[in-house]
Amino acid sequence: MPGAIDHEGIVSLVELKIKKKGKVAYLRAKDRHQMQKLIAIGALPGTAIVLLQKFPSYVFELGHSQFAVDKELAQAIFVKVNK
């Protein structure tokens, strides 16, 4: 169900609210190329993440760096939302 948070409080980055903080829970890449991109930017499980913008691209902060990605790549990042 889009927008729903499961029992563990994990949601796709595209469903996260702007300025909401969390930690990368896991990655669900569609292929090796997509996984390599995610690893290269440092989107690794346990890494703190904050969504800054959703349009025209998804902009998020990992540590002290900001990244802009398309929706397809953002959908591959799953975040455990901070309470």
N, C-alpha and C. Protein backbone atom coordinates (compact mmCIF):
# COMPACT_ATOMS: atom_id res chain seq x y z
N MET A 1 0.84 -1.18 0.00
CA MET A 1 0.00 0.00 0.00
C MET A 1 0.89 1.24 0.00
N PRO A 2 0.84 2.07 -1.03
CA PRO A 2 1.70 3.25 -1.10
C PRO A 2 1.49 4.18 0.10
N GLY A 3 2.61 4.66 0.62
CA GLY A 3 2.53 5.61 1.73
C GLY A 3 2.43 4.96 3.09
N ALA A 4 2.22 3.65 3.10
CA ALA A 4 2.05 2.98 4.39
C ALA A 4 3.42 2.64 4.98
N ILE A 5 3.50 2.77 6.27
CA ILE A 5 4.70 2.38 6.98
C ILE A 5 4.43 1.01 7.60
N ASP A 6 5.34 0.07 7.39
CA ASP A 6 5.09 -1.26 7.90
C ASP A 6 5.35 -1.33 9.40
N HIS A 7 5.19 -2.49 9.97
CA HIS A 7 5.30 -2.66 11.42
C HIS A 7 6.67 -2.30 11.98
N GLU A 8 7.68 -2.24 11.14
CA GLU A 8 9.03 -1.90 11.61
C GLU A 8 9.34 -0.42 11.42
N GLY A 9 8.40 0.35 10.89
CA GLY A 9 8.65 1.77 10.66
C GLY A 9 9.57 2.03 9.49
N ILE A 10 9.57 1.12 8.51
CA ILE A 10 10.44 1.26 7.34
C ILE A 10 9.60 1.67 6.14
N VAL A 11 10.09 2.66 5.40
CA VAL A 11 9.36 3.20 4.26
C VAL A 11 10.36 3.53 3.16
N SER A 12 9.90 3.48 1.90
CA SER A 12 10.75 3.86 0.78
C SER A 12 11.04 5.37 0.87
N LEU A 13 12.18 5.79 0.38
CA LEU A 13 12.55 7.21 0.42
C LEU A 13 11.50 8.08 -0.27
N VAL A 14 10.86 7.57 -1.32
CA VAL A 14 9.85 8.37 -2.03
C VAL A 14 8.62 8.62 -1.17
N GLU A 15 8.39 7.81 -0.15
CA GLU A 15 7.24 7.97 0.74
C GLU A 15 7.57 8.77 2.01
N LEU A 16 8.85 9.04 2.22
CA LEU A 16 9.28 9.79 3.40
C LEU A 16 8.83 11.24 3.27
N LYS A 17 8.47 11.85 4.37
CA LYS A 17 8.08 13.26 4.36
C LYS A 17 9.34 14.13 4.33
N ILE A 18 9.21 15.28 3.68
CA ILE A 18 10.33 16.21 3.60
C ILE A 18 10.75 16.64 5.00
N LYS A 19 12.06 16.70 5.21
CA LYS A 19 12.72 17.06 6.48
C LYS A 19 12.66 15.94 7.51
N LYS A 20 12.06 14.81 7.16
CA LYS A 20 12.00 13.68 8.09
C LYS A 20 13.35 12.98 8.09
N LYS A 21 13.78 12.56 9.26
CA LYS A 21 15.08 11.91 9.42
C LYS A 21 14.90 10.42 9.67
N GLY A 22 15.91 9.68 9.29
CA GLY A 22 15.91 8.25 9.53
C GLY A 22 17.27 7.67 9.23
N LYS A 23 17.32 6.36 9.16
CA LYS A 23 18.55 5.65 8.80
C LYS A 23 18.23 4.69 7.68
N VAL A 24 19.16 4.54 6.76
CA VAL A 24 18.97 3.59 5.68
C VAL A 24 18.81 2.20 6.30
N ALA A 25 17.69 1.54 6.01
CA ALA A 25 17.43 0.21 6.54
C ALA A 25 17.97 -0.86 5.60
N TYR A 26 17.65 -0.72 4.32
CA TYR A 26 18.14 -1.65 3.31
C TYR A 26 17.95 -1.04 1.93
N LEU A 27 18.58 -1.67 0.95
CA LEU A 27 18.48 -1.24 -0.45
C LEU A 27 17.81 -2.35 -1.24
N ARG A 28 16.95 -1.96 -2.18
CA ARG A 28 16.31 -2.94 -3.06
C ARG A 28 16.52 -2.48 -4.50
N ALA A 29 17.72 -2.66 -4.97
CA ALA A 29 18.08 -2.23 -6.32
C ALA A 29 17.53 -3.20 -7.36
N LYS A 30 17.16 -2.67 -8.53
CA LYS A 30 16.61 -3.53 -9.58
C LYS A 30 17.69 -4.27 -10.35
N ASP A 31 18.92 -3.75 -10.30
CA ASP A 31 20.03 -4.41 -11.00
C ASP A 31 21.37 -4.00 -10.38
N ARG A 32 22.41 -4.60 -10.89
CA ARG A 32 23.76 -4.35 -10.37
C ARG A 32 24.19 -2.89 -10.54
N HIS A 33 23.85 -2.30 -11.68
CA HIS A 33 24.22 -0.92 -11.97
C HIS A 33 23.60 0.03 -10.93
N GLN A 34 22.33 -0.17 -10.63
CA GLN A 34 21.64 0.66 -9.65
C GLN A 34 22.26 0.48 -8.26
N MET A 35 22.59 -0.75 -7.91
CA MET A 35 23.21 -1.02 -6.60
C MET A 35 24.58 -0.35 -6.51
N GLN A 36 25.34 -0.37 -7.59
CA GLN A 36 26.65 0.28 -7.59
C GLN A 36 26.51 1.78 -7.36
N LYS A 37 25.50 2.42 -7.97
CA LYS A 37 25.27 3.85 -7.76
C LYS A 37 24.97 4.14 -6.29
N LEU A 38 24.10 3.33 -5.70
CA LEU A 38 23.71 3.54 -4.30
C LEU A 38 24.91 3.38 -3.36
N ILE A 39 25.71 2.39 -3.61
CA ILE A 39 26.90 2.17 -2.78
C ILE A 39 27.90 3.30 -2.98
N ALA A 40 28.06 3.76 -4.22
CA ALA A 40 29.02 4.83 -4.52
C ALA A 40 28.68 6.14 -3.80
N ILE A 41 27.39 6.43 -3.62
CA ILE A 41 27.03 7.67 -2.91
C ILE A 41 27.00 7.48 -1.40
N GLY A 42 27.18 6.25 -0.95
CA GLY A 42 27.24 6.00 0.49
C GLY A 42 25.91 5.68 1.13
N ALA A 43 24.92 5.27 0.33
CA ALA A 43 23.60 4.92 0.87
C ALA A 43 23.65 3.49 1.40
N LEU A 44 24.32 3.33 2.51
CA LEU A 44 24.52 2.01 3.10
C LEU A 44 23.65 1.85 4.35
N PRO A 45 23.20 0.64 4.63
CA PRO A 45 22.39 0.42 5.84
C PRO A 45 23.07 0.99 7.09
N GLY A 46 22.26 1.69 7.88
CA GLY A 46 22.76 2.30 9.11
C GLY A 46 23.15 3.76 8.95
N THR A 47 23.24 4.24 7.71
CA THR A 47 23.63 5.62 7.44
C THR A 47 22.45 6.57 7.68
N ALA A 48 22.69 7.67 8.39
CA ALA A 48 21.65 8.67 8.63
C ALA A 48 21.28 9.34 7.31
N ILE A 49 19.98 9.59 7.12
CA ILE A 49 19.49 10.19 5.88
C ILE A 49 18.35 11.16 6.20
N VAL A 50 18.31 12.27 5.46
CA VAL A 50 17.24 13.27 5.60
C VAL A 50 16.77 13.62 4.20
N LEU A 51 15.47 13.54 3.96
CA LEU A 51 14.92 13.93 2.66
C LEU A 51 14.71 15.45 2.66
N LEU A 52 15.27 16.14 1.66
CA LEU A 52 15.19 17.59 1.59
C LEU A 52 14.19 18.09 0.55
N GLN A 53 13.97 17.30 -0.51
CA GLN A 53 13.13 17.76 -1.61
C GLN A 53 12.65 16.55 -2.40
N LYS A 54 11.43 16.66 -2.99
CA LYS A 54 10.89 15.58 -3.81
C LYS A 54 10.72 15.96 -5.28
N PHE A 55 10.70 17.24 -5.58
CA PHE A 55 10.47 17.67 -6.94
C PHE A 55 11.40 18.81 -7.30
N PRO A 56 12.00 18.84 -8.47
CA PRO A 56 11.85 17.93 -9.60
C PRO A 56 12.63 16.63 -9.46
N SER A 57 13.54 16.55 -8.51
CA SER A 57 14.22 15.29 -8.23
C SER A 57 14.26 15.10 -6.72
N TYR A 58 14.59 13.91 -6.31
CA TYR A 58 14.67 13.61 -4.87
C TYR A 58 16.05 14.03 -4.38
N VAL A 59 16.07 14.96 -3.44
CA VAL A 59 17.33 15.46 -2.88
C VAL A 59 17.36 15.04 -1.42
N PHE A 60 18.45 14.41 -1.04
CA PHE A 60 18.58 13.95 0.35
C PHE A 60 20.01 14.16 0.82
N GLU A 61 20.14 14.14 2.12
CA GLU A 61 21.44 14.35 2.76
C GLU A 61 21.87 13.06 3.41
N LEU A 62 23.09 12.67 3.11
CA LEU A 62 23.75 11.53 3.76
C LEU A 62 25.01 12.09 4.41
N GLY A 63 25.05 12.10 5.72
CA GLY A 63 26.19 12.71 6.40
C GLY A 63 26.23 14.19 6.10
N HIS A 64 27.36 14.67 5.55
CA HIS A 64 27.49 16.09 5.21
C HIS A 64 27.37 16.35 3.72
N SER A 65 26.90 15.36 2.98
CA SER A 65 26.77 15.49 1.53
C SER A 65 25.31 15.43 1.10
N GLN A 66 25.00 16.15 0.02
CA GLN A 66 23.65 16.12 -0.54
C GLN A 66 23.69 15.48 -1.92
N PHE A 67 22.65 14.70 -2.22
CA PHE A 67 22.57 14.00 -3.49
C PHE A 67 21.20 14.21 -4.11
N ALA A 68 21.15 14.30 -5.43
CA ALA A 68 19.89 14.39 -6.17
C ALA A 68 19.80 13.15 -7.05
N VAL A 69 18.67 12.45 -6.94
CA VAL A 69 18.46 11.24 -7.73
C VAL A 69 17.06 11.24 -8.32
N ASP A 70 16.84 10.41 -9.32
CA ASP A 70 15.51 10.29 -9.90
C ASP A 70 14.64 9.38 -9.02
N LYS A 71 13.37 9.33 -9.35
CA LYS A 71 12.42 8.56 -8.54
C LYS A 71 12.77 7.08 -8.51
N GLU A 72 13.23 6.56 -9.63
CA GLU A 72 13.56 5.14 -9.72
C GLU A 72 14.65 4.76 -8.71
N LEU A 73 15.67 5.59 -8.60
CA LEU A 73 16.74 5.31 -7.65
C LEU A 73 16.28 5.54 -6.21
N ALA A 74 15.48 6.58 -5.99
CA ALA A 74 14.96 6.87 -4.66
C ALA A 74 14.08 5.73 -4.15
N GLN A 75 13.36 5.05 -5.05
CA GLN A 75 12.49 3.94 -4.66
C GLN A 75 13.28 2.74 -4.16
N ALA A 76 14.56 2.70 -4.46
CA ALA A 76 15.40 1.56 -4.06
C ALA A 76 15.95 1.73 -2.65
N ILE A 77 15.79 2.90 -2.06
CA ILE A 77 16.31 3.18 -0.71
C ILE A 77 15.17 3.08 0.30
N PHE A 78 15.33 2.22 1.28
CA PHE A 78 14.32 2.06 2.32
C PHE A 78 14.88 2.58 3.64
N VAL A 79 14.05 3.37 4.33
CA VAL A 79 14.50 4.13 5.50
C VAL A 79 13.71 3.71 6.74
N LYS A 80 14.43 3.50 7.83
CA LYS A 80 13.78 3.31 9.13
C LYS A 80 13.61 4.70 9.72
N VAL A 81 12.37 5.12 9.86
CA VAL A 81 12.05 6.49 10.27
C VAL A 81 12.32 6.68 11.76
N ASN A 82 12.98 7.82 12.09
CA ASN A 82 13.19 8.17 13.49
C ASN A 82 11.87 8.59 14.12
N LYS A 83 11.69 8.25 15.36
CA LYS A 83 10.45 8.63 16.05
C LYS A 83 10.60 9.95 16.75
